[in-house]
């Protein structure tokens, strides 16, 4: 909504939504043990790749930058799939067994 409010002012806003990123944060927080980081099916980007994607999106005036193809697919799934499907998938990726 802020990006929309800024239209016509010459100021843009880009929200960067990175997926799993190879940083020291994952190890320090224990998140590196979660399926999001351990699965070979989930690509992990480097901080430089995430920064470049965010920078390019910002320079192109895009209001949202979701890095990586799989992350974009998952984000779209959240919009089109019912919650009874999308919530358990999210919980699985975050290491919380589905109820």
PDB file of N, CA and C in Angstrom:
ATOM      1  N   UNK A   1       0.819  -1.189   0.000  1.00  0.00           N
ATOM      2  CA  UNK A   1       0.000   0.000   0.000  1.00  0.00           C
ATOM      3  C   UNK A   1       0.868   1.259   0.000  1.00  0.00           C
ATOM      4  N   UNK A   2       2.042   1.174   0.636  1.00  0.00           N
ATOM      5  CA  UNK A   2       2.930   2.343   0.641  1.00  0.00           C
ATOM      6  C   UNK A   2       3.434   2.621  -0.778  1.00  0.00           C
ATOM      7  N   UNK A   3       3.786   1.547  -1.503  1.00  0.00           N
ATOM      8  CA  UNK A   3       4.244   1.732  -2.878  1.00  0.00           C
ATOM      9  C   UNK A   3       3.173   2.424  -3.707  1.00  0.00           C
ATOM     10  N   UNK A   4       1.929   2.051  -3.481  1.00  0.00           N
ATOM     11  CA  UNK A   4       0.830   2.680  -4.224  1.00  0.00           C
ATOM     12  C   UNK A   4       0.671   4.145  -3.833  1.00  0.00           C
ATOM     13  N   UNK A   5       0.817   4.442  -2.557  1.00  0.00           N
ATOM     14  CA  UNK A   5       0.702   5.829  -2.102  1.00  0.00           C
ATOM     15  C   UNK A   5       1.816   6.704  -2.678  1.00  0.00           C
ATOM     16  N   UNK A   6       2.950   6.088  -2.984  1.00  0.00           N
ATOM     17  CA  UNK A   6       4.090   6.845  -3.497  1.00  0.00           C
ATOM     18  C   UNK A   6       4.032   7.085  -4.997  1.00  0.00           C
ATOM     19  N   UNK A   7       3.076   6.492  -5.697  1.00  0.00           N
ATOM     20  CA  UNK A   7       2.975   6.676  -7.146  1.00  0.00           C
ATOM     21  C   UNK A   7       2.922   8.154  -7.498  1.00  0.00           C
ATOM     22  N   UNK A   8       3.707   8.487  -8.504  1.00  0.00           N
ATOM     23  CA  UNK A   8       3.709   9.856  -8.994  1.00  0.00           C
ATOM     24  C   UNK A   8       4.604  10.798  -8.213  1.00  0.00           C
ATOM     25  N   UNK A   9       5.248  10.312  -7.150  1.00  0.00           N
ATOM     26  CA  UNK A   9       6.108  11.184  -6.348  1.00  0.00           C
ATOM     27  C   UNK A   9       7.571  11.104  -6.771  1.00  0.00           C
ATOM     28  N   UNK A  10       7.906  10.114  -7.604  1.00  0.00           N
ATOM     29  CA  UNK A  10       9.301   9.907  -7.973  1.00  0.00           C
ATOM     30  C   UNK A  10      10.027   8.994  -6.995  1.00  0.00           C
ATOM     31  N   UNK A  11       9.354   8.610  -5.934  1.00  0.00           N
ATOM     32  CA  UNK A  11       9.932   7.693  -4.943  1.00  0.00           C
ATOM     33  C   UNK A  11       9.285   6.329  -5.148  1.00  0.00           C
ATOM     34  N   UNK A  12      10.101   5.282  -5.167  1.00  0.00           N
ATOM     35  CA  UNK A  12       9.557   3.935  -5.300  1.00  0.00           C
ATOM     36  C   UNK A  12       9.907   3.123  -4.067  1.00  0.00           C
ATOM     37  N   UNK A  13       9.177   2.065  -3.886  1.00  0.00           N
ATOM     38  CA  UNK A  13       9.423   1.156  -2.778  1.00  0.00           C
ATOM     39  C   UNK A  13       9.420  -0.257  -3.337  1.00  0.00           C
ATOM     40  N   UNK A  14      10.411  -1.047  -2.964  1.00  0.00           N
ATOM     41  CA  UNK A  14      10.471  -2.439  -3.383  1.00  0.00           C
ATOM     42  C   UNK A  14      10.619  -3.303  -2.145  1.00  0.00           C
ATOM     43  N   UNK A  15       9.734  -4.265  -1.995  1.00  0.00           N
ATOM     44  CA  UNK A  15       9.809  -5.221  -0.905  1.00  0.00           C
ATOM     45  C   UNK A  15      10.556  -6.441  -1.404  1.00  0.00           C
ATOM     46  N   UNK A  16      11.646  -6.781  -0.740  1.00  0.00           N
ATOM     47  CA  UNK A  16      12.465  -7.929  -1.127  1.00  0.00           C
ATOM     48  C   UNK A  16      12.062  -9.133  -0.282  1.00  0.00           C
ATOM     49  N   UNK A  17      11.676 -10.213  -0.950  1.00  0.00           N
ATOM     50  CA  UNK A  17      11.228 -11.447  -0.283  1.00  0.00           C
ATOM     51  C   UNK A  17      12.163 -12.590  -0.672  1.00  0.00           C
ATOM     52  N   UNK A  18      13.298 -12.703   0.000  1.00  0.00           N
ATOM     53  CA  UNK A  18      14.218 -13.787  -0.343  1.00  0.00           C
ATOM     54  C   UNK A  18      13.768 -15.094   0.288  1.00  0.00           C
ATOM     55  N   UNK A  19      14.124 -16.163  -0.341  1.00  0.00           N
ATOM     56  CA  UNK A  19      13.890 -17.481   0.249  1.00  0.00           C
ATOM     57  C   UNK A  19      15.117 -17.853   1.070  1.00  0.00           C
ATOM     58  N   UNK A  20      15.412 -19.140   1.097  1.00  0.00           N
ATOM     59  CA  UNK A  20      16.571 -19.614   1.841  1.00  0.00           C
ATOM     60  C   UNK A  20      17.835 -18.982   1.253  1.00  0.00           C
ATOM     61  N   UNK A  21      18.593 -18.323   2.111  1.00  0.00           N
ATOM     62  CA  UNK A  21      19.811 -17.631   1.687  1.00  0.00           C
ATOM     63  C   UNK A  21      20.968 -18.138   2.523  1.00  0.00           C
ATOM     64  N   UNK A  22      22.078 -18.470   1.850  1.00  0.00           N
ATOM     65  CA  UNK A  22      23.251 -19.018   2.546  1.00  0.00           C
ATOM     66  C   UNK A  22      23.988 -17.913   3.298  1.00  0.00           C
ATOM     67  N   UNK A  23      23.624 -17.750   4.552  1.00  0.00           N
ATOM     68  CA  UNK A  23      24.302 -16.788   5.419  1.00  0.00           C
ATOM     69  C   UNK A  23      24.605 -17.468   6.747  1.00  0.00           C
ATOM     70  N   UNK A  24      25.351 -16.816   7.597  1.00  0.00           N
ATOM     71  CA  UNK A  24      25.643 -17.350   8.916  1.00  0.00           C
ATOM     72  C   UNK A  24      24.424 -17.369   9.817  1.00  0.00           C
ATOM     73  N   UNK A  25      23.376 -16.647   9.434  1.00  0.00           N
ATOM     74  CA  UNK A  25      22.174 -16.594  10.256  1.00  0.00           C
ATOM     75  C   UNK A  25      21.555 -17.974  10.442  1.00  0.00           C
ATOM     76  N   UNK A  26      21.501 -18.768   9.372  1.00  0.00           N
ATOM     77  CA  UNK A  26      20.863 -20.087   9.450  1.00  0.00           C
ATOM     78  C   UNK A  26      21.555 -20.966  10.487  1.00  0.00           C
ATOM     79  N   UNK A  27      22.875 -20.987  10.467  1.00  0.00           N
ATOM     80  CA  UNK A  27      23.609 -21.805  11.434  1.00  0.00           C
ATOM     81  C   UNK A  27      23.484 -21.245  12.843  1.00  0.00           C
ATOM     82  N   UNK A  28      23.590 -19.943  12.985  1.00  0.00           N
ATOM     83  CA  UNK A  28      23.537 -19.327  14.312  1.00  0.00           C
ATOM     84  C   UNK A  28      22.169 -19.503  14.962  1.00  0.00           C
ATOM     85  N   UNK A  29      21.111 -19.523  14.161  1.00  0.00           N
ATOM     86  CA  UNK A  29      19.764 -19.635  14.711  1.00  0.00           C
ATOM     87  C   UNK A  29      19.279 -21.072  14.807  1.00  0.00           C
ATOM     88  N   UNK A  30      20.031 -22.011  14.211  1.00  0.00           N
ATOM     89  CA  UNK A  30      19.593 -23.395  14.181  1.00  0.00           C
ATOM     90  C   UNK A  30      18.675 -23.703  13.018  1.00  0.00           C
ATOM     91  N   UNK A  31      18.389 -22.702  12.198  1.00  0.00           N
ATOM     92  CA  UNK A  31      17.491 -22.903  11.062  1.00  0.00           C
ATOM     93  C   UNK A  31      18.102 -23.789   9.984  1.00  0.00           C
ATOM     94  N   UNK A  32      19.419 -23.953  10.004  1.00  0.00           N
ATOM     95  CA  UNK A  32      20.057 -24.772   8.971  1.00  0.00           C
ATOM     96  C   UNK A  32      19.648 -26.237   9.060  1.00  0.00           C
ATOM     97  N   UNK A  33      18.988 -26.637  10.138  1.00  0.00           N
ATOM     98  CA  UNK A  33      18.502 -28.007  10.284  1.00  0.00           C
ATOM     99  C   UNK A  33      17.086 -28.173   9.736  1.00  0.00           C
ATOM    100  N   UNK A  34      16.425 -27.082   9.370  1.00  0.00           N
ATOM    101  CA  UNK A  34      15.062 -27.146   8.851  1.00  0.00           C
ATOM    102  C   UNK A  34      15.059 -27.637   7.411  1.00  0.00           C
ATOM    103  N   UNK A  35      13.970 -28.301   6.989  1.00  0.00           N
ATOM    104  CA  UNK A  35      13.885 -28.761   5.595  1.00  0.00           C
ATOM    105  C   UNK A  35      14.098 -27.637   4.582  1.00  0.00           C
ATOM    106  N   UNK A  36      13.713 -26.424   4.934  1.00  0.00           N
ATOM    107  CA  UNK A  36      13.915 -25.286   4.040  1.00  0.00           C
ATOM    108  C   UNK A  36      15.379 -25.159   3.641  1.00  0.00           C
ATOM    109  N   UNK A  37      16.285 -25.482   4.563  1.00  0.00           N
ATOM    110  CA  UNK A  37      17.725 -25.368   4.287  1.00  0.00           C
ATOM    111  C   UNK A  37      18.375 -26.698   3.930  1.00  0.00           C
ATOM    112  N   UNK A  38      17.806 -27.828   4.383  1.00  0.00           N
ATOM    113  CA  UNK A  38      18.451 -29.116   4.153  1.00  0.00           C
ATOM    114  C   UNK A  38      18.010 -29.796   2.866  1.00  0.00           C
ATOM    115  N   UNK A  39      16.846 -29.457   2.363  1.00  0.00           N
ATOM    116  CA  UNK A  39      16.329 -30.121   1.174  1.00  0.00           C
ATOM    117  C   UNK A  39      17.125 -29.733  -0.073  1.00  0.00           C
ATOM    118  N   UNK A  40      17.488 -30.737  -0.838  1.00  0.00           N
ATOM    119  CA  UNK A  40      18.174 -30.483  -2.103  1.00  0.00           C
ATOM    120  C   UNK A  40      17.209 -29.896  -3.133  1.00  0.00           C
ATOM    121  N   UNK A  41      15.912 -30.021  -2.877  1.00  0.00           N
ATOM    122  CA  UNK A  41      14.905 -29.492  -3.795  1.00  0.00           C
ATOM    123  C   UNK A  41      14.738 -27.975  -3.674  1.00  0.00           C
ATOM    124  N   UNK A  42      15.203 -27.418  -2.548  1.00  0.00           N
ATOM    125  CA  UNK A  42      15.063 -25.983  -2.316  1.00  0.00           C
ATOM    126  C   UNK A  42      16.401 -25.311  -2.602  1.00  0.00           C
ATOM    127  N   UNK A  43      16.485 -24.530  -3.685  1.00  0.00           N
ATOM    128  CA  UNK A  43      17.739 -23.850  -3.983  1.00  0.00           C
ATOM    129  C   UNK A  43      18.026 -22.752  -2.962  1.00  0.00           C
ATOM    130  N   UNK A  44      19.284 -22.661  -2.571  1.00  0.00           N
ATOM    131  CA  UNK A  44      19.715 -21.615  -1.650  1.00  0.00           C
ATOM    132  C   UNK A  44      20.511 -20.587  -2.438  1.00  0.00           C
ATOM    133  N   UNK A  45      20.176 -19.327  -2.241  1.00  0.00           N
ATOM    134  CA  UNK A  45      20.875 -18.267  -2.946  1.00  0.00           C
ATOM    135  C   UNK A  45      21.966 -17.694  -2.050  1.00  0.00           C
ATOM    136  N   UNK A  46      22.946 -17.069  -2.680  1.00  0.00           N
ATOM    137  CA  UNK A  46      23.979 -16.372  -1.920  1.00  0.00           C
ATOM    138  C   UNK A  46      23.454 -14.972  -1.601  1.00  0.00           C
ATOM    139  N   UNK A  47      24.017 -14.331  -0.583  1.00  0.00           N
ATOM    140  CA  UNK A  47      23.611 -12.956  -0.299  1.00  0.00           C
ATOM    141  C   UNK A  47      23.791 -12.041  -1.512  1.00  0.00           C
ATOM    142  N   UNK A  48      24.850 -12.258  -2.281  1.00  0.00           N
ATOM    143  CA  UNK A  48      25.082 -11.417  -3.463  1.00  0.00           C
ATOM    144  C   UNK A  48      23.976 -11.613  -4.498  1.00  0.00           C
ATOM    145  N   UNK A  49      23.529 -12.843  -4.684  1.00  0.00           N
ATOM    146  CA  UNK A  49      22.447 -13.100  -5.644  1.00  0.00           C
ATOM    147  C   UNK A  49      21.150 -12.425  -5.196  1.00  0.00           C
ATOM    148  N   UNK A  50      20.860 -12.514  -3.896  1.00  0.00           N
ATOM    149  CA  UNK A  50      19.651 -11.882  -3.363  1.00  0.00           C
ATOM    150  C   UNK A  50      19.742 -10.364  -3.517  1.00  0.00           C
ATOM    151  N   UNK A  51      20.909  -9.800  -3.186  1.00  0.00           N
ATOM    152  CA  UNK A  51      21.089  -8.350  -3.298  1.00  0.00           C
ATOM    153  C   UNK A  51      20.926  -7.891  -4.743  1.00  0.00           C
ATOM    154  N   UNK A  52      21.494  -8.646  -5.682  1.00  0.00           N
ATOM    155  CA  UNK A  52      21.371  -8.273  -7.095  1.00  0.00           C
ATOM    156  C   UNK A  52      19.918  -8.314  -7.540  1.00  0.00           C
ATOM    157  N   UNK A  53      19.203  -9.358  -7.151  1.00  0.00           N
ATOM    158  CA  UNK A  53      17.786  -9.474  -7.536  1.00  0.00           C
ATOM    159  C   UNK A  53      16.987  -8.302  -6.958  1.00  0.00           C
ATOM    160  N   UNK A  54      17.251  -7.948  -5.712  1.00  0.00           N
ATOM    161  CA  UNK A  54      16.560  -6.827  -5.089  1.00  0.00           C
ATOM    162  C   UNK A  54      16.897  -5.513  -5.757  1.00  0.00           C
ATOM    163  N   UNK A  55      18.172  -5.328  -6.068  1.00  0.00           N
ATOM    164  CA  UNK A  55      18.611  -4.093  -6.717  1.00  0.00           C
ATOM    165  C   UNK A  55      17.972  -3.955  -8.102  1.00  0.00           C
ATOM    166  N   UNK A  56      17.987  -5.039  -8.869  1.00  0.00           N
ATOM    167  CA  UNK A  56      17.405  -4.985 -10.213  1.00  0.00           C
ATOM    168  C   UNK A  56      15.906  -4.707 -10.153  1.00  0.00           C
ATOM    169  N   UNK A  57      15.221  -5.326  -9.187  1.00  0.00           N
ATOM    170  CA  UNK A  57      13.783  -5.075  -9.042  1.00  0.00           C
ATOM    171  C   UNK A  57      13.537  -3.619  -8.688  1.00  0.00           C
ATOM    172  N   UNK A  58      14.344  -3.087  -7.775  1.00  0.00           N
ATOM    173  CA  UNK A  58      14.190  -1.695  -7.367  1.00  0.00           C
ATOM    174  C   UNK A  58      14.434  -0.762  -8.551  1.00  0.00           C
ATOM    175  N   UNK A  59      15.489  -1.013  -9.307  1.00  0.00           N
ATOM    176  CA  UNK A  59      15.812  -0.152 -10.441  1.00  0.00           C
ATOM    177  C   UNK A  59      14.743  -0.222 -11.541  1.00  0.00           C
ATOM    178  N   UNK A  60      14.017  -1.348 -11.597  1.00  0.00           N
ATOM    179  CA  UNK A  60      12.947  -1.507 -12.578  1.00  0.00           C
ATOM    180  C   UNK A  60      11.591  -1.067 -12.032  1.00  0.00           C
ATOM    181  N   UNK A  61      11.575  -0.544 -10.804  1.00  0.00           N
ATOM    182  CA  UNK A  61      10.340  -0.025 -10.221  1.00  0.00           C
ATOM    183  C   UNK A  61       9.343  -1.085  -9.795  1.00  0.00           C
ATOM    184  N   UNK A  62       9.810  -2.324  -9.617  1.00  0.00           N
ATOM    185  CA  UNK A  62       8.889  -3.386  -9.198  1.00  0.00           C
ATOM    186  C   UNK A  62       8.595  -3.253  -7.701  1.00  0.00           C
ATOM    187  N   UNK A  63       7.341  -3.320  -7.303  1.00  0.00           N
ATOM    188  CA  UNK A  63       7.003  -3.162  -5.882  1.00  0.00           C
ATOM    189  C   UNK A  63       7.357  -4.379  -5.028  1.00  0.00           C
ATOM    190  N   UNK A  64       7.432  -5.576  -5.642  1.00  0.00           N
ATOM    191  CA  UNK A  64       7.757  -6.789  -4.892  1.00  0.00           C
ATOM    192  C   UNK A  64       8.773  -7.592  -5.678  1.00  0.00           C
ATOM    193  N   UNK A  65       9.816  -8.067  -4.989  1.00  0.00           N
ATOM    194  CA  UNK A  65      10.834  -8.924  -5.606  1.00  0.00           C
ATOM    195  C   UNK A  65      10.910 -10.214  -4.805  1.00  0.00           C
ATOM    196  N   UNK A  66      10.452 -11.308  -5.408  1.00  0.00           N
ATOM    197  CA  UNK A  66      10.542 -12.625  -4.791  1.00  0.00           C
ATOM    198  C   UNK A  66      11.673 -13.342  -5.510  1.00  0.00           C
ATOM    199  N   UNK A  67      12.730 -13.681  -4.765  1.00  0.00           N
ATOM    200  CA  UNK A  67      13.907 -14.266  -5.393  1.00  0.00           C
ATOM    201  C   UNK A  67      13.724 -15.755  -5.638  1.00  0.00           C
ATOM    202  N   UNK A  68      14.187 -16.199  -6.777  1.00  0.00           N
ATOM    203  CA  UNK A  68      14.186 -17.619  -7.111  1.00  0.00           C
ATOM    204  C   UNK A  68      12.849 -18.105  -7.654  1.00  0.00           C
ATOM    205  N   UNK A  69      12.930 -18.999  -8.633  1.00  0.00           N
ATOM    206  CA  UNK A  69      11.733 -19.532  -9.281  1.00  0.00           C
ATOM    207  C   UNK A  69      10.861 -20.299  -8.287  1.00  0.00           C
ATOM    208  N   UNK A  70      11.458 -21.170  -7.478  1.00  0.00           N
ATOM    209  CA  UNK A  70      10.673 -21.949  -6.531  1.00  0.00           C
ATOM    210  C   UNK A  70       9.959 -21.041  -5.538  1.00  0.00           C
ATOM    211  N   UNK A  71      10.617 -20.001  -5.075  1.00  0.00           N
ATOM    212  CA  UNK A  71       9.978 -19.064  -4.143  1.00  0.00           C
ATOM    213  C   UNK A  71       8.786 -18.368  -4.790  1.00  0.00           C
ATOM    214  N   UNK A  72       8.913 -18.023  -6.068  1.00  0.00           N
ATOM    215  CA  UNK A  72       7.796 -17.380  -6.766  1.00  0.00           C
ATOM    216  C   UNK A  72       6.627 -18.348  -6.916  1.00  0.00           C
ATOM    217  N   UNK A  73       6.935 -19.614  -7.199  1.00  0.00           N
ATOM    218  CA  UNK A  73       5.878 -20.621  -7.328  1.00  0.00           C
ATOM    219  C   UNK A  73       5.167 -20.810  -5.984  1.00  0.00           C
ATOM    220  N   UNK A  74       5.942 -20.909  -4.905  1.00  0.00           N
ATOM    221  CA  UNK A  74       5.355 -21.078  -3.575  1.00  0.00           C
ATOM    222  C   UNK A  74       4.503 -19.869  -3.205  1.00  0.00           C
ATOM    223  N   UNK A  75       4.994 -18.673  -3.508  1.00  0.00           N
ATOM    224  CA  UNK A  75       4.225 -17.465  -3.204  1.00  0.00           C
ATOM    225  C   UNK A  75       2.918 -17.438  -3.984  1.00  0.00           C
ATOM    226  N   UNK A  76       2.963 -17.849  -5.241  1.00  0.00           N
ATOM    227  CA  UNK A  76       1.749 -17.892  -6.045  1.00  0.00           C
ATOM    228  C   UNK A  76       0.793 -18.954  -5.500  1.00  0.00           C
ATOM    229  N   UNK A  77       1.344 -20.070  -5.050  1.00  0.00           N
ATOM    230  CA  UNK A  77       0.508 -21.130  -4.490  1.00  0.00           C
ATOM    231  C   UNK A  77      -0.297 -20.640  -3.304  1.00  0.00           C
ATOM    232  N   UNK A  78       0.295 -19.764  -2.497  1.00  0.00           N
ATOM    233  CA  UNK A  78      -0.406 -19.217  -1.356  1.00  0.00           C
ATOM    234  C   UNK A  78      -1.608 -18.373  -1.747  1.00  0.00           C
ATOM    235  N   UNK A  79      -1.587 -17.867  -2.962  1.00  0.00           N
ATOM    236  CA  UNK A  79      -2.698 -17.049  -3.438  1.00  0.00           C
ATOM    237  C   UNK A  79      -3.815 -17.883  -4.062  1.00  0.00           C
ATOM    238  N   UNK A  80      -3.439 -19.016  -4.659  1.00  0.00           N
ATOM    239  CA  UNK A  80      -4.436 -19.778  -5.402  1.00  0.00           C
ATOM    240  C   UNK A  80      -4.867 -21.077  -4.716  1.00  0.00           C
ATOM    241  N   UNK A  81      -4.056 -21.598  -3.819  1.00  0.00           N
ATOM    242  CA  UNK A  81      -4.414 -22.834  -3.136  1.00  0.00           C
ATOM    243  C   UNK A  81      -5.190 -22.549  -1.858  1.00  0.00           C
ATOM    244  N   UNK A  82      -6.099 -23.436  -1.496  1.00  0.00           N
ATOM    245  CA  UNK A  82      -6.790 -23.255  -0.221  1.00  0.00           C
ATOM    246  C   UNK A  82      -5.828 -23.439   0.951  1.00  0.00           C
ATOM    247  N   UNK A  83      -6.131 -22.806   2.049  1.00  0.00           N
ATOM    248  CA  UNK A  83      -5.246 -22.845   3.215  1.00  0.00           C
ATOM    249  C   UNK A  83      -5.036 -24.252   3.744  1.00  0.00           C
ATOM    250  N   UNK A  84      -6.029 -25.136   3.593  1.00  0.00           N
ATOM    251  CA  UNK A  84      -5.849 -26.484   4.113  1.00  0.00           C
ATOM    252  C   UNK A  84      -4.761 -27.241   3.343  1.00  0.00           C
ATOM    253  N   UNK A  85      -4.352 -26.722   2.194  1.00  0.00           N
ATOM    254  CA  UNK A  85      -3.227 -27.293   1.460  1.00  0.00           C
ATOM    255  C   UNK A  85      -1.960 -26.471   1.717  1.00  0.00           C
ATOM    256  N   UNK A  86      -2.033 -25.162   1.579  1.00  0.00           N
ATOM    257  CA  UNK A  86      -0.829 -24.330   1.684  1.00  0.00           C
ATOM    258  C   UNK A  86      -0.254 -24.296   3.102  1.00  0.00           C
ATOM    259  N   UNK A  87      -1.087 -24.295   4.130  1.00  0.00           N
ATOM    260  CA  UNK A  87      -0.558 -24.249   5.498  1.00  0.00           C
ATOM    261  C   UNK A  87       0.261 -25.478   5.863  1.00  0.00           C
ATOM    262  N   UNK A  88      -0.224 -26.714   5.613  1.00  0.00           N
ATOM    263  CA  UNK A  88       0.610 -27.876   5.936  1.00  0.00           C
ATOM    264  C   UNK A  88       1.927 -27.919   5.157  1.00  0.00           C
ATOM    265  N   UNK A  89       1.916 -27.450   3.906  1.00  0.00           N
ATOM    266  CA  UNK A  89       3.155 -27.420   3.123  1.00  0.00           C
ATOM    267  C   UNK A  89       4.145 -26.452   3.769  1.00  0.00           C
ATOM    268  N   UNK A  90       3.659 -25.282   4.170  1.00  0.00           N
ATOM    269  CA  UNK A  90       4.530 -24.314   4.830  1.00  0.00           C
ATOM    270  C   UNK A  90       5.073 -24.877   6.150  1.00  0.00           C
ATOM    271  N   UNK A  91       4.208 -25.518   6.910  1.00  0.00           N
ATOM    272  CA  UNK A  91       4.635 -26.080   8.186  1.00  0.00           C
ATOM    273  C   UNK A  91       5.701 -27.160   7.965  1.00  0.00           C
ATOM    274  N   UNK A  92       5.532 -27.964   6.929  1.00  0.00           N
ATOM    275  CA  UNK A  92       6.510 -29.006   6.626  1.00  0.00           C
ATOM    276  C   UNK A  92       7.871 -28.411   6.306  1.00  0.00           C
ATOM    277  N   UNK A  93       7.893 -27.360   5.492  1.00  0.00           N
ATOM    278  CA  UNK A  93       9.149 -26.725   5.111  1.00  0.00           C
ATOM    279  C   UNK A  93       9.841 -26.073   6.311  1.00  0.00           C
ATOM    280  N   UNK A  94       9.049 -25.648   7.297  1.00  0.00           N
ATOM    281  CA  UNK A  94       9.616 -25.014   8.466  1.00  0.00           C
ATOM    282  C   UNK A  94       9.883 -26.013   9.590  1.00  0.00           C
ATOM    283  N   UNK A  95       9.712 -27.297   9.295  1.00  0.00           N
ATOM    284  CA  UNK A  95      10.070 -28.336  10.240  1.00  0.00           C
ATOM    285  C   UNK A  95       9.037 -28.611  11.306  1.00  0.00           C
ATOM    286  N   UNK A  96       7.842 -28.064  11.169  1.00  0.00           N
ATOM    287  CA  UNK A  96       6.775 -28.289  12.136  1.00  0.00           C
ATOM    288  C   UNK A  96       5.851 -29.347  11.552  1.00  0.00           C
ATOM    289  N   UNK A  97       5.748 -30.522  12.177  1.00  0.00           N
ATOM    290  CA  UNK A  97       4.901 -31.564  11.595  1.00  0.00           C
ATOM    291  C   UNK A  97       3.446 -31.112  11.523  1.00  0.00           C
ATOM    292  N   UNK A  98       2.824 -31.443  10.412  1.00  0.00           N
ATOM    293  CA  UNK A  98       1.416 -31.060  10.226  1.00  0.00           C
ATOM    294  C   UNK A  98       0.552 -31.746  11.267  1.00  0.00           C
ATOM    295  N   UNK A  99      -0.503 -31.072  11.732  1.00  0.00           N
ATOM    296  CA  UNK A  99      -1.375 -31.664  12.762  1.00  0.00           C
ATOM    297  C   UNK A  99      -2.141 -32.867  12.262  1.00  0.00           C
TER     298      UNK A  99
END
